[in-house]
């Protein structure tokens, strides 16, 4: 069985907002 693996970002914030406090 040949398999293929790849990834995808799931962002909750980008840019300047990355530095803000997060509950997650």
PDBML (XML) file of the C-alpha atoms, coordinates in Angstrom:
<?xml version="1.0" encoding="UTF-8" ?>
<PDBx:datablock datablockName="MODEL"
   xmlns:PDBx="http://pdbml.pdb.org/schema/pdbx-v50.xsd"
   xmlns:xsi="http://www.w3.org/2001/XMLSchema-instance"
   xsi:schemaLocation="http://pdbml.pdb.org/schema/pdbx-v50.xsd pdbx-v50.xsd">
   <PDBx:atom_siteCategory>
      <PDBx:atom_site id="1">
         <PDBx:B_iso_or_equiv>0.00</PDBx:B_iso_or_equiv>
         <PDBx:Cartn_x>0.000</PDBx:Cartn_x>
         <PDBx:Cartn_y>0.000</PDBx:Cartn_y>
         <PDBx:Cartn_z>0.000</PDBx:Cartn_z>
         <PDBx:auth_asym_id>A</PDBx:auth_asym_id>
         <PDBx:auth_atom_id>CA</PDBx:auth_atom_id>
         <PDBx:auth_comp_id>UNK</PDBx:auth_comp_id>
         <PDBx:auth_seq_id>1</PDBx:auth_seq_id>
         <PDBx:group_PDB>ATOM</PDBx:group_PDB>
         <PDBx:label_alt_id xsi:nil="true" />
         <PDBx:label_asym_id>A</PDBx:label_asym_id>
         <PDBx:label_atom_id>CA</PDBx:label_atom_id>
         <PDBx:label_comp_id>UNK</PDBx:label_comp_id>
         <PDBx:label_entity_id>1</PDBx:label_entity_id>
         <PDBx:label_seq_id>1</PDBx:label_seq_id>
         <PDBx:occupancy>1.00</PDBx:occupancy>
         <PDBx:pdbx_PDB_model_num>1</PDBx:pdbx_PDB_model_num>
         <PDBx:type_symbol>C</PDBx:type_symbol>
      </PDBx:atom_site>
      <PDBx:atom_site id="2">
         <PDBx:B_iso_or_equiv>0.00</PDBx:B_iso_or_equiv>
         <PDBx:Cartn_x>1.531</PDBx:Cartn_x>
         <PDBx:Cartn_y>3.273</PDBx:Cartn_y>
         <PDBx:Cartn_z>-1.124</PDBx:Cartn_z>
         <PDBx:auth_asym_id>A</PDBx:auth_asym_id>
         <PDBx:auth_atom_id>CA</PDBx:auth_atom_id>
         <PDBx:auth_comp_id>UNK</PDBx:auth_comp_id>
         <PDBx:auth_seq_id>2</PDBx:auth_seq_id>
         <PDBx:group_PDB>ATOM</PDBx:group_PDB>
         <PDBx:label_alt_id xsi:nil="true" />
         <PDBx:label_asym_id>A</PDBx:label_asym_id>
         <PDBx:label_atom_id>CA</PDBx:label_atom_id>
         <PDBx:label_comp_id>UNK</PDBx:label_comp_id>
         <PDBx:label_entity_id>1</PDBx:label_entity_id>
         <PDBx:label_seq_id>2</PDBx:label_seq_id>
         <PDBx:occupancy>1.00</PDBx:occupancy>
         <PDBx:pdbx_PDB_model_num>1</PDBx:pdbx_PDB_model_num>
         <PDBx:type_symbol>C</PDBx:type_symbol>
      </PDBx:atom_site>
      <PDBx:atom_site id="3">
         <PDBx:B_iso_or_equiv>0.00</PDBx:B_iso_or_equiv>
         <PDBx:Cartn_x>0.659</PDBx:Cartn_x>
         <PDBx:Cartn_y>6.186</PDBx:Cartn_y>
         <PDBx:Cartn_z>1.171</PDBx:Cartn_z>
         <PDBx:auth_asym_id>A</PDBx:auth_asym_id>
         <PDBx:auth_atom_id>CA</PDBx:auth_atom_id>
         <PDBx:auth_comp_id>UNK</PDBx:auth_comp_id>
         <PDBx:auth_seq_id>3</PDBx:auth_seq_id>
         <PDBx:group_PDB>ATOM</PDBx:group_PDB>
         <PDBx:label_alt_id xsi:nil="true" />
         <PDBx:label_asym_id>A</PDBx:label_asym_id>
         <PDBx:label_atom_id>CA</PDBx:label_atom_id>
         <PDBx:label_comp_id>UNK</PDBx:label_comp_id>
         <PDBx:label_entity_id>1</PDBx:label_entity_id>
         <PDBx:label_seq_id>3</PDBx:label_seq_id>
         <PDBx:occupancy>1.00</PDBx:occupancy>
         <PDBx:pdbx_PDB_model_num>1</PDBx:pdbx_PDB_model_num>
         <PDBx:type_symbol>C</PDBx:type_symbol>
      </PDBx:atom_site>
      <PDBx:atom_site id="4">
         <PDBx:B_iso_or_equiv>0.00</PDBx:B_iso_or_equiv>
         <PDBx:Cartn_x>1.138</PDBx:Cartn_x>
         <PDBx:Cartn_y>9.925</PDBx:Cartn_y>
         <PDBx:Cartn_z>0.832</PDBx:Cartn_z>
         <PDBx:auth_asym_id>A</PDBx:auth_asym_id>
         <PDBx:auth_atom_id>CA</PDBx:auth_atom_id>
         <PDBx:auth_comp_id>UNK</PDBx:auth_comp_id>
         <PDBx:auth_seq_id>4</PDBx:auth_seq_id>
         <PDBx:group_PDB>ATOM</PDBx:group_PDB>
         <PDBx:label_alt_id xsi:nil="true" />
         <PDBx:label_asym_id>A</PDBx:label_asym_id>
         <PDBx:label_atom_id>CA</PDBx:label_atom_id>
         <PDBx:label_comp_id>UNK</PDBx:label_comp_id>
         <PDBx:label_entity_id>1</PDBx:label_entity_id>
         <PDBx:label_seq_id>4</PDBx:label_seq_id>
         <PDBx:occupancy>1.00</PDBx:occupancy>
         <PDBx:pdbx_PDB_model_num>1</PDBx:pdbx_PDB_model_num>
         <PDBx:type_symbol>C</PDBx:type_symbol>
      </PDBx:atom_site>
      <PDBx:atom_site id="5">
         <PDBx:B_iso_or_equiv>0.00</PDBx:B_iso_or_equiv>
         <PDBx:Cartn_x>1.633</PDBx:Cartn_x>
         <PDBx:Cartn_y>12.389</PDBx:Cartn_y>
         <PDBx:Cartn_z>3.700</PDBx:Cartn_z>
         <PDBx:auth_asym_id>A</PDBx:auth_asym_id>
         <PDBx:auth_atom_id>CA</PDBx:auth_atom_id>
         <PDBx:auth_comp_id>UNK</PDBx:auth_comp_id>
         <PDBx:auth_seq_id>5</PDBx:auth_seq_id>
         <PDBx:group_PDB>ATOM</PDBx:group_PDB>
         <PDBx:label_alt_id xsi:nil="true" />
         <PDBx:label_asym_id>A</PDBx:label_asym_id>
         <PDBx:label_atom_id>CA</PDBx:label_atom_id>
         <PDBx:label_comp_id>UNK</PDBx:label_comp_id>
         <PDBx:label_entity_id>1</PDBx:label_entity_id>
         <PDBx:label_seq_id>5</PDBx:label_seq_id>
         <PDBx:occupancy>1.00</PDBx:occupancy>
         <PDBx:pdbx_PDB_model_num>1</PDBx:pdbx_PDB_model_num>
         <PDBx:type_symbol>C</PDBx:type_symbol>
      </PDBx:atom_site>
      <PDBx:atom_site id="6">
         <PDBx:B_iso_or_equiv>0.00</PDBx:B_iso_or_equiv>
         <PDBx:Cartn_x>1.335</PDBx:Cartn_x>
         <PDBx:Cartn_y>16.170</PDBx:Cartn_y>
         <PDBx:Cartn_z>3.645</PDBx:Cartn_z>
         <PDBx:auth_asym_id>A</PDBx:auth_asym_id>
         <PDBx:auth_atom_id>CA</PDBx:auth_atom_id>
         <PDBx:auth_comp_id>UNK</PDBx:auth_comp_id>
         <PDBx:auth_seq_id>6</PDBx:auth_seq_id>
         <PDBx:group_PDB>ATOM</PDBx:group_PDB>
         <PDBx:label_alt_id xsi:nil="true" />
         <PDBx:label_asym_id>A</PDBx:label_asym_id>
         <PDBx:label_atom_id>CA</PDBx:label_atom_id>
         <PDBx:label_comp_id>UNK</PDBx:label_comp_id>
         <PDBx:label_entity_id>1</PDBx:label_entity_id>
         <PDBx:label_seq_id>6</PDBx:label_seq_id>
         <PDBx:occupancy>1.00</PDBx:occupancy>
         <PDBx:pdbx_PDB_model_num>1</PDBx:pdbx_PDB_model_num>
         <PDBx:type_symbol>C</PDBx:type_symbol>
      </PDBx:atom_site>
      <PDBx:atom_site id="7">
         <PDBx:B_iso_or_equiv>0.00</PDBx:B_iso_or_equiv>
         <PDBx:Cartn_x>0.491</PDBx:Cartn_x>
         <PDBx:Cartn_y>18.973</PDBx:Cartn_y>
         <PDBx:Cartn_z>6.066</PDBx:Cartn_z>
         <PDBx:auth_asym_id>A</PDBx:auth_asym_id>
         <PDBx:auth_atom_id>CA</PDBx:auth_atom_id>
         <PDBx:auth_comp_id>UNK</PDBx:auth_comp_id>
         <PDBx:auth_seq_id>7</PDBx:auth_seq_id>
         <PDBx:group_PDB>ATOM</PDBx:group_PDB>
         <PDBx:label_alt_id xsi:nil="true" />
         <PDBx:label_asym_id>A</PDBx:label_asym_id>
         <PDBx:label_atom_id>CA</PDBx:label_atom_id>
         <PDBx:label_comp_id>UNK</PDBx:label_comp_id>
         <PDBx:label_entity_id>1</PDBx:label_entity_id>
         <PDBx:label_seq_id>7</PDBx:label_seq_id>
         <PDBx:occupancy>1.00</PDBx:occupancy>
         <PDBx:pdbx_PDB_model_num>1</PDBx:pdbx_PDB_model_num>
         <PDBx:type_symbol>C</PDBx:type_symbol>
      </PDBx:atom_site>
      <PDBx:atom_site id="8">
         <PDBx:B_iso_or_equiv>0.00</PDBx:B_iso_or_equiv>
         <PDBx:Cartn_x>-1.683</PDBx:Cartn_x>
         <PDBx:Cartn_y>22.086</PDBx:Cartn_y>
         <PDBx:Cartn_z>6.171</PDBx:Cartn_z>
         <PDBx:auth_asym_id>A</PDBx:auth_asym_id>
         <PDBx:auth_atom_id>CA</PDBx:auth_atom_id>
         <PDBx:auth_comp_id>UNK</PDBx:auth_comp_id>
         <PDBx:auth_seq_id>8</PDBx:auth_seq_id>
         <PDBx:group_PDB>ATOM</PDBx:group_PDB>
         <PDBx:label_alt_id xsi:nil="true" />
         <PDBx:label_asym_id>A</PDBx:label_asym_id>
         <PDBx:label_atom_id>CA</PDBx:label_atom_id>
         <PDBx:label_comp_id>UNK</PDBx:label_comp_id>
         <PDBx:label_entity_id>1</PDBx:label_entity_id>
         <PDBx:label_seq_id>8</PDBx:label_seq_id>
         <PDBx:occupancy>1.00</PDBx:occupancy>
         <PDBx:pdbx_PDB_model_num>1</PDBx:pdbx_PDB_model_num>
         <PDBx:type_symbol>C</PDBx:type_symbol>
      </PDBx:atom_site>
      <PDBx:atom_site id="9">
         <PDBx:B_iso_or_equiv>0.00</PDBx:B_iso_or_equiv>
         <PDBx:Cartn_x>-1.432</PDBx:Cartn_x>
         <PDBx:Cartn_y>25.001</PDBx:Cartn_y>
         <PDBx:Cartn_z>8.622</PDBx:Cartn_z>
         <PDBx:auth_asym_id>A</PDBx:auth_asym_id>
         <PDBx:auth_atom_id>CA</PDBx:auth_atom_id>
         <PDBx:auth_comp_id>UNK</PDBx:auth_comp_id>
         <PDBx:auth_seq_id>9</PDBx:auth_seq_id>
         <PDBx:group_PDB>ATOM</PDBx:group_PDB>
         <PDBx:label_alt_id xsi:nil="true" />
         <PDBx:label_asym_id>A</PDBx:label_asym_id>
         <PDBx:label_atom_id>CA</PDBx:label_atom_id>
         <PDBx:label_comp_id>UNK</PDBx:label_comp_id>
         <PDBx:label_entity_id>1</PDBx:label_entity_id>
         <PDBx:label_seq_id>9</PDBx:label_seq_id>
         <PDBx:occupancy>1.00</PDBx:occupancy>
         <PDBx:pdbx_PDB_model_num>1</PDBx:pdbx_PDB_model_num>
         <PDBx:type_symbol>C</PDBx:type_symbol>
      </PDBx:atom_site>
      <PDBx:atom_site id="10">
         <PDBx:B_iso_or_equiv>0.00</PDBx:B_iso_or_equiv>
         <PDBx:Cartn_x>-4.517</PDBx:Cartn_x>
         <PDBx:Cartn_y>25.698</PDBx:Cartn_y>
         <PDBx:Cartn_z>10.742</PDBx:Cartn_z>
         <PDBx:auth_asym_id>A</PDBx:auth_asym_id>
         <PDBx:auth_atom_id>CA</PDBx:auth_atom_id>
         <PDBx:auth_comp_id>UNK</PDBx:auth_comp_id>
         <PDBx:auth_seq_id>10</PDBx:auth_seq_id>
         <PDBx:group_PDB>ATOM</PDBx:group_PDB>
         <PDBx:label_alt_id xsi:nil="true" />
         <PDBx:label_asym_id>A</PDBx:label_asym_id>
         <PDBx:label_atom_id>CA</PDBx:label_atom_id>
         <PDBx:label_comp_id>UNK</PDBx:label_comp_id>
         <PDBx:label_entity_id>1</PDBx:label_entity_id>
         <PDBx:label_seq_id>10</PDBx:label_seq_id>
         <PDBx:occupancy>1.00</PDBx:occupancy>
         <PDBx:pdbx_PDB_model_num>1</PDBx:pdbx_PDB_model_num>
         <PDBx:type_symbol>C</PDBx:type_symbol>
      </PDBx:atom_site>
      <PDBx:atom_site id="11">
         <PDBx:B_iso_or_equiv>0.00</PDBx:B_iso_or_equiv>
         <PDBx:Cartn_x>-3.867</PDBx:Cartn_x>
         <PDBx:Cartn_y>29.276</PDBx:Cartn_y>
         <PDBx:Cartn_z>11.918</PDBx:Cartn_z>
         <PDBx:auth_asym_id>A</PDBx:auth_asym_id>
         <PDBx:auth_atom_id>CA</PDBx:auth_atom_id>
         <PDBx:auth_comp_id>UNK</PDBx:auth_comp_id>
         <PDBx:auth_seq_id>11</PDBx:auth_seq_id>
         <PDBx:group_PDB>ATOM</PDBx:group_PDB>
         <PDBx:label_alt_id xsi:nil="true" />
         <PDBx:label_asym_id>A</PDBx:label_asym_id>
         <PDBx:label_atom_id>CA</PDBx:label_atom_id>
         <PDBx:label_comp_id>UNK</PDBx:label_comp_id>
         <PDBx:label_entity_id>1</PDBx:label_entity_id>
         <PDBx:label_seq_id>11</PDBx:label_seq_id>
         <PDBx:occupancy>1.00</PDBx:occupancy>
         <PDBx:pdbx_PDB_model_num>1</PDBx:pdbx_PDB_model_num>
         <PDBx:type_symbol>C</PDBx:type_symbol>
      </PDBx:atom_site>
      <PDBx:atom_site id="12">
         <PDBx:B_iso_or_equiv>0.00</PDBx:B_iso_or_equiv>
         <PDBx:Cartn_x>-5.838</PDBx:Cartn_x>
         <PDBx:Cartn_y>31.069</PDBx:Cartn_y>
         <PDBx:Cartn_z>14.590</PDBx:Cartn_z>
         <PDBx:auth_asym_id>A</PDBx:auth_asym_id>
         <PDBx:auth_atom_id>CA</PDBx:auth_atom_id>
         <PDBx:auth_comp_id>UNK</PDBx:auth_comp_id>
         <PDBx:auth_seq_id>12</PDBx:auth_seq_id>
         <PDBx:group_PDB>ATOM</PDBx:group_PDB>
         <PDBx:label_alt_id xsi:nil="true" />
         <PDBx:label_asym_id>A</PDBx:label_asym_id>
         <PDBx:label_atom_id>CA</PDBx:label_atom_id>
         <PDBx:label_comp_id>UNK</PDBx:label_comp_id>
         <PDBx:label_entity_id>1</PDBx:label_entity_id>
         <PDBx:label_seq_id>12</PDBx:label_seq_id>
         <PDBx:occupancy>1.00</PDBx:occupancy>
         <PDBx:pdbx_PDB_model_num>1</PDBx:pdbx_PDB_model_num>
         <PDBx:type_symbol>C</PDBx:type_symbol>
      </PDBx:atom_site>
      <PDBx:atom_site id="13">
         <PDBx:B_iso_or_equiv>0.00</PDBx:B_iso_or_equiv>
         <PDBx:Cartn_x>-3.783</PDBx:Cartn_x>
         <PDBx:Cartn_y>34.261</PDBx:Cartn_y>
         <PDBx:Cartn_z>14.181</PDBx:Cartn_z>
         <PDBx:auth_asym_id>A</PDBx:auth_asym_id>
         <PDBx:auth_atom_id>CA</PDBx:auth_atom_id>
         <PDBx:auth_comp_id>UNK</PDBx:auth_comp_id>
         <PDBx:auth_seq_id>13</PDBx:auth_seq_id>
         <PDBx:group_PDB>ATOM</PDBx:group_PDB>
         <PDBx:label_alt_id xsi:nil="true" />
         <PDBx:label_asym_id>A</PDBx:label_asym_id>
         <PDBx:label_atom_id>CA</PDBx:label_atom_id>
         <PDBx:label_comp_id>UNK</PDBx:label_comp_id>
         <PDBx:label_entity_id>1</PDBx:label_entity_id>
         <PDBx:label_seq_id>13</PDBx:label_seq_id>
         <PDBx:occupancy>1.00</PDBx:occupancy>
         <PDBx:pdbx_PDB_model_num>1</PDBx:pdbx_PDB_model_num>
         <PDBx:type_symbol>C</PDBx:type_symbol>
      </PDBx:atom_site>
      <PDBx:atom_site id="14">
         <PDBx:B_iso_or_equiv>0.00</PDBx:B_iso_or_equiv>
         <PDBx:Cartn_x>-1.170</PDBx:Cartn_x>
         <PDBx:Cartn_y>35.768</PDBx:Cartn_y>
         <PDBx:Cartn_z>11.879</PDBx:Cartn_z>
         <PDBx:auth_asym_id>A</PDBx:auth_asym_id>
         <PDBx:auth_atom_id>CA</PDBx:auth_atom_id>
         <PDBx:auth_comp_id>UNK</PDBx:auth_comp_id>
         <PDBx:auth_seq_id>14</PDBx:auth_seq_id>
         <PDBx:group_PDB>ATOM</PDBx:group_PDB>
         <PDBx:label_alt_id xsi:nil="true" />
         <PDBx:label_asym_id>A</PDBx:label_asym_id>
         <PDBx:label_atom_id>CA</PDBx:label_atom_id>
         <PDBx:label_comp_id>UNK</PDBx:label_comp_id>
         <PDBx:label_entity_id>1</PDBx:label_entity_id>
         <PDBx:label_seq_id>14</PDBx:label_seq_id>
         <PDBx:occupancy>1.00</PDBx:occupancy>
         <PDBx:pdbx_PDB_model_num>1</PDBx:pdbx_PDB_model_num>
         <PDBx:type_symbol>C</PDBx:type_symbol>
      </PDBx:atom_site>
      <PDBx:atom_site id="15">
         <PDBx:B_iso_or_equiv>0.00</PDBx:B_iso_or_equiv>
         <PDBx:Cartn_x>1.048</PDBx:Cartn_x>
         <PDBx:Cartn_y>38.833</PDBx:Cartn_y>
         <PDBx:Cartn_z>11.858</PDBx:Cartn_z>
         <PDBx:auth_asym_id>A</PDBx:auth_asym_id>
         <PDBx:auth_atom_id>CA</PDBx:auth_atom_id>
         <PDBx:auth_comp_id>UNK</PDBx:auth_comp_id>
         <PDBx:auth_seq_id>15</PDBx:auth_seq_id>
         <PDBx:group_PDB>ATOM</PDBx:group_PDB>
         <PDBx:label_alt_id xsi:nil="true" />
         <PDBx:label_asym_id>A</PDBx:label_asym_id>
         <PDBx:label_atom_id>CA</PDBx:label_atom_id>
         <PDBx:label_comp_id>UNK</PDBx:label_comp_id>
         <PDBx:label_entity_id>1</PDBx:label_entity_id>
         <PDBx:label_seq_id>15</PDBx:label_seq_id>
         <PDBx:occupancy>1.00</PDBx:occupancy>
         <PDBx:pdbx_PDB_model_num>1</PDBx:pdbx_PDB_model_num>
         <PDBx:type_symbol>C</PDBx:type_symbol>
      </PDBx:atom_site>
      <PDBx:atom_site id="16">
         <PDBx:B_iso_or_equiv>0.00</PDBx:B_iso_or_equiv>
         <PDBx:Cartn_x>0.962</PDBx:Cartn_x>
         <PDBx:Cartn_y>41.139</PDBx:Cartn_y>
         <PDBx:Cartn_z>14.898</PDBx:Cartn_z>
         <PDBx:auth_asym_id>A</PDBx:auth_asym_id>
         <PDBx:auth_atom_id>CA</PDBx:auth_atom_id>
         <PDBx:auth_comp_id>UNK</PDBx:auth_comp_id>
         <PDBx:auth_seq_id>16</PDBx:auth_seq_id>
         <PDBx:group_PDB>ATOM</PDBx:group_PDB>
         <PDBx:label_alt_id xsi:nil="true" />
         <PDBx:label_asym_id>A</PDBx:label_asym_id>
         <PDBx:label_atom_id>CA</PDBx:label_atom_id>
         <PDBx:label_comp_id>UNK</PDBx:label_comp_id>
         <PDBx:label_entity_id>1</PDBx:label_entity_id>
         <PDBx:label_seq_id>16</PDBx:label_seq_id>
         <PDBx:occupancy>1.00</PDBx:occupancy>
         <PDBx:pdbx_PDB_model_num>1</PDBx:pdbx_PDB_model_num>
         <PDBx:type_symbol>C</PDBx:type_symbol>
      </PDBx:atom_site>
      <PDBx:atom_site id="17">
         <PDBx:B_iso_or_equiv>0.00</PDBx:B_iso_or_equiv>
         <PDBx:Cartn_x>-1.993</PDBx:Cartn_x>
         <PDBx:Cartn_y>39.241</PDBx:Cartn_y>
         <PDBx:Cartn_z>16.373</PDBx:Cartn_z>
         <PDBx:auth_asym_id>A</PDBx:auth_asym_id>
         <PDBx:auth_atom_id>CA</PDBx:auth_atom_id>
         <PDBx:auth_comp_id>UNK</PDBx:auth_comp_id>
         <PDBx:auth_seq_id>17</PDBx:auth_seq_id>
         <PDBx:group_PDB>ATOM</PDBx:group_PDB>
         <PDBx:label_alt_id xsi:nil="true" />
         <PDBx:label_asym_id>A</PDBx:label_asym_id>
         <PDBx:label_atom_id>CA</PDBx:label_atom_id>
         <PDBx:label_comp_id>UNK</PDBx:label_comp_id>
         <PDBx:label_entity_id>1</PDBx:label_entity_id>
         <PDBx:label_seq_id>17</PDBx:label_seq_id>
         <PDBx:occupancy>1.00</PDBx:occupancy>
         <PDBx:pdbx_PDB_model_num>1</PDBx:pdbx_PDB_model_num>
         <PDBx:type_symbol>C</PDBx:type_symbol>
      </PDBx:atom_site>
      <PDBx:atom_site id="18">
         <PDBx:B_iso_or_equiv>0.00</PDBx:B_iso_or_equiv>
         <PDBx:Cartn_x>0.227</PDBx:Cartn_x>
         <PDBx:Cartn_y>36.220</PDBx:Cartn_y>
         <PDBx:Cartn_z>17.073</PDBx:Cartn_z>
         <PDBx:auth_asym_id>A</PDBx:auth_asym_id>
         <PDBx:auth_atom_id>CA</PDBx:auth_atom_id>
         <PDBx:auth_comp_id>UNK</PDBx:auth_comp_id>
         <PDBx:auth_seq_id>18</PDBx:auth_seq_id>
         <PDBx:group_PDB>ATOM</PDBx:group_PDB>
         <PDBx:label_alt_id xsi:nil="true" />
         <PDBx:label_asym_id>A</PDBx:label_asym_id>
         <PDBx:label_atom_id>CA</PDBx:label_atom_id>
         <PDBx:label_comp_id>UNK</PDBx:label_comp_id>
         <PDBx:label_entity_id>1</PDBx:label_entity_id>
         <PDBx:label_seq_id>18</PDBx:label_seq_id>
         <PDBx:occupancy>1.00</PDBx:occupancy>
         <PDBx:pdbx_PDB_model_num>1</PDBx:pdbx_PDB_model_num>
         <PDBx:type_symbol>C</PDBx:type_symbol>
      </PDBx:atom_site>
      <PDBx:atom_site id="19">
         <PDBx:B_iso_or_equiv>0.00</PDBx:B_iso_or_equiv>
         <PDBx:Cartn_x>1.667</PDBx:Cartn_x>
         <PDBx:Cartn_y>37.960</PDBx:Cartn_y>
         <PDBx:Cartn_z>20.155</PDBx:Cartn_z>
         <PDBx:auth_asym_id>A</PDBx:auth_asym_id>
         <PDBx:auth_atom_id>CA</PDBx:auth_atom_id>
         <PDBx:auth_comp_id>UNK</PDBx:auth_comp_id>
         <PDBx:auth_seq_id>19</PDBx:auth_seq_id>
         <PDBx:group_PDB>ATOM</PDBx:group_PDB>
         <PDBx:label_alt_id xsi:nil="true" />
         <PDBx:label_asym_id>A</PDBx:label_asym_id>
         <PDBx:label_atom_id>CA</PDBx:label_atom_id>
         <PDBx:label_comp_id>UNK</PDBx:label_comp_id>
         <PDBx:label_entity_id>1</PDBx:label_entity_id>
         <PDBx:label_seq_id>19</PDBx:label_seq_id>
         <PDBx:occupancy>1.00</PDBx:occupancy>
         <PDBx:pdbx_PDB_model_num>1</PDBx:pdbx_PDB_model_num>
         <PDBx:type_symbol>C</PDBx:type_symbol>
      </PDBx:atom_site>
      <PDBx:atom_site id="20">
         <PDBx:B_iso_or_equiv>0.00</PDBx:B_iso_or_equiv>
         <PDBx:Cartn_x>-1.695</PDBx:Cartn_x>
         <PDBx:Cartn_y>38.543</PDBx:Cartn_y>
         <PDBx:Cartn_z>21.841</PDBx:Cartn_z>
         <PDBx:auth_asym_id>A</PDBx:auth_asym_id>
         <PDBx:auth_atom_id>CA</PDBx:auth_atom_id>
         <PDBx:auth_comp_id>UNK</PDBx:auth_comp_id>
         <PDBx:auth_seq_id>20</PDBx:auth_seq_id>
         <PDBx:group_PDB>ATOM</PDBx:group_PDB>
         <PDBx:label_alt_id xsi:nil="true" />
         <PDBx:label_asym_id>A</PDBx:label_asym_id>
         <PDBx:label_atom_id>CA</PDBx:label_atom_id>
         <PDBx:label_comp_id>UNK</PDBx:label_comp_id>
         <PDBx:label_entity_id>1</PDBx:label_entity_id>
         <PDBx:label_seq_id>20</PDBx:label_seq_id>
         <PDBx:occupancy>1.00</PDBx:occupancy>
         <PDBx:pdbx_PDB_model_num>1</PDBx:pdbx_PDB_model_num>
         <PDBx:type_symbol>C</PDBx:type_symbol>
      </PDBx:atom_site>
      <PDBx:atom_site id="21">
         <PDBx:B_iso_or_equiv>0.00</PDBx:B_iso_or_equiv>
         <PDBx:Cartn_x>-2.624</PDBx:Cartn_x>
         <PDBx:Cartn_y>36.320</PDBx:Cartn_y>
         <PDBx:Cartn_z>24.828</PDBx:Cartn_z>
         <PDBx:auth_asym_id>A</PDBx:auth_asym_id>
         <PDBx:auth_atom_id>CA</PDBx:auth_atom_id>
         <PDBx:auth_comp_id>UNK</PDBx:auth_comp_id>
         <PDBx:auth_seq_id>21</PDBx:auth_seq_id>
         <PDBx:group_PDB>ATOM</PDBx:group_PDB>
         <PDBx:label_alt_id xsi:nil="true" />
         <PDBx:label_asym_id>A</PDBx:label_asym_id>
         <PDBx:label_atom_id>CA</PDBx:label_atom_id>
         <PDBx:label_comp_id>UNK</PDBx:label_comp_id>
         <PDBx:label_entity_id>1</PDBx:label_entity_id>
         <PDBx:label_seq_id>21</PDBx:label_seq_id>
         <PDBx:occupancy>1.00</PDBx:occupancy>
         <PDBx:pdbx_PDB_model_num>1</PDBx:pdbx_PDB_model_num>
         <PDBx:type_symbol>C</PDBx:type_symbol>
      </PDBx:atom_site>
      <PDBx:atom_site id="22">
         <PDBx:B_iso_or_equiv>0.00</PDBx:B_iso_or_equiv>
         <PDBx:Cartn_x>-4.670</PDBx:Cartn_x>
         <PDBx:Cartn_y>33.244</PDBx:Cartn_y>
         <PDBx:Cartn_z>23.862</PDBx:Cartn_z>
         <PDBx:auth_asym_id>A</PDBx:auth_asym_id>
         <PDBx:auth_atom_id>CA</PDBx:auth_atom_id>
         <PDBx:auth_comp_id>UNK</PDBx:auth_comp_id>
         <PDBx:auth_seq_id>22</PDBx:auth_seq_id>
         <PDBx:group_PDB>ATOM</PDBx:group_PDB>
         <PDBx:label_alt_id xsi:nil="true" />
         <PDBx:label_asym_id>A</PDBx:label_asym_id>
         <PDBx:label_atom_id>CA</PDBx:label_atom_id>
         <PDBx:label_comp_id>UNK</PDBx:label_comp_id>
         <PDBx:label_entity_id>1</PDBx:label_entity_id>
         <PDBx:label_seq_id>22</PDBx:label_seq_id>
         <PDBx:occupancy>1.00</PDBx:occupancy>
         <PDBx:pdbx_PDB_model_num>1</PDBx:pdbx_PDB_model_num>
         <PDBx:type_symbol>C</PDBx:type_symbol>
      </PDBx:atom_site>
      <PDBx:atom_site id="23">
         <PDBx:B_iso_or_equiv>0.00</PDBx:B_iso_or_equiv>
         <PDBx:Cartn_x>-6.876</PDBx:Cartn_x>
         <PDBx:Cartn_y>30.899</PDBx:Cartn_y>
         <PDBx:Cartn_z>25.823</PDBx:Cartn_z>
         <PDBx:auth_asym_id>A</PDBx:auth_asym_id>
         <PDBx:auth_atom_id>CA</PDBx:auth_atom_id>
         <PDBx:auth_comp_id>UNK</PDBx:auth_comp_id>
         <PDBx:auth_seq_id>23</PDBx:auth_seq_id>
         <PDBx:group_PDB>ATOM</PDBx:group_PDB>
         <PDBx:label_alt_id xsi:nil="true" />
         <PDBx:label_asym_id>A</PDBx:label_asym_id>
         <PDBx:label_atom_id>CA</PDBx:label_atom_id>
         <PDBx:label_comp_id>UNK</PDBx:label_comp_id>
         <PDBx:label_entity_id>1</PDBx:label_entity_id>
         <PDBx:label_seq_id>23</PDBx:label_seq_id>
         <PDBx:occupancy>1.00</PDBx:occupancy>
         <PDBx:pdbx_PDB_model_num>1</PDBx:pdbx_PDB_model_num>
         <PDBx:type_symbol>C</PDBx:type_symbol>
      </PDBx:atom_site>
      <PDBx:atom_site id="24">
         <PDBx:B_iso_or_equiv>0.00</PDBx:B_iso_or_equiv>
         <PDBx:Cartn_x>-5.781</PDBx:Cartn_x>
         <PDBx:Cartn_y>28.045</PDBx:Cartn_y>
         <PDBx:Cartn_z>23.572</PDBx:Cartn_z>
         <PDBx:auth_asym_id>A</PDBx:auth_asym_id>
         <PDBx:auth_atom_id>CA</PDBx:auth_atom_id>
         <PDBx:auth_comp_id>UNK</PDBx:auth_comp_id>
         <PDBx:auth_seq_id>24</PDBx:auth_seq_id>
         <PDBx:group_PDB>ATOM</PDBx:group_PDB>
         <PDBx:label_alt_id xsi:nil="true" />
         <PDBx:label_asym_id>A</PDBx:label_asym_id>
         <PDBx:label_atom_id>CA</PDBx:label_atom_id>
         <PDBx:label_comp_id>UNK</PDBx:label_comp_id>
         <PDBx:label_entity_id>1</PDBx:label_entity_id>
         <PDBx:label_seq_id>24</PDBx:label_seq_id>
         <PDBx:occupancy>1.00</PDBx:occupancy>
         <PDBx:pdbx_PDB_model_num>1</PDBx:pdbx_PDB_model_num>
         <PDBx:type_symbol>C</PDBx:type_symbol>
      </PDBx:atom_site>
   </PDBx:atom_siteCategory>
</PDBx:datablock>
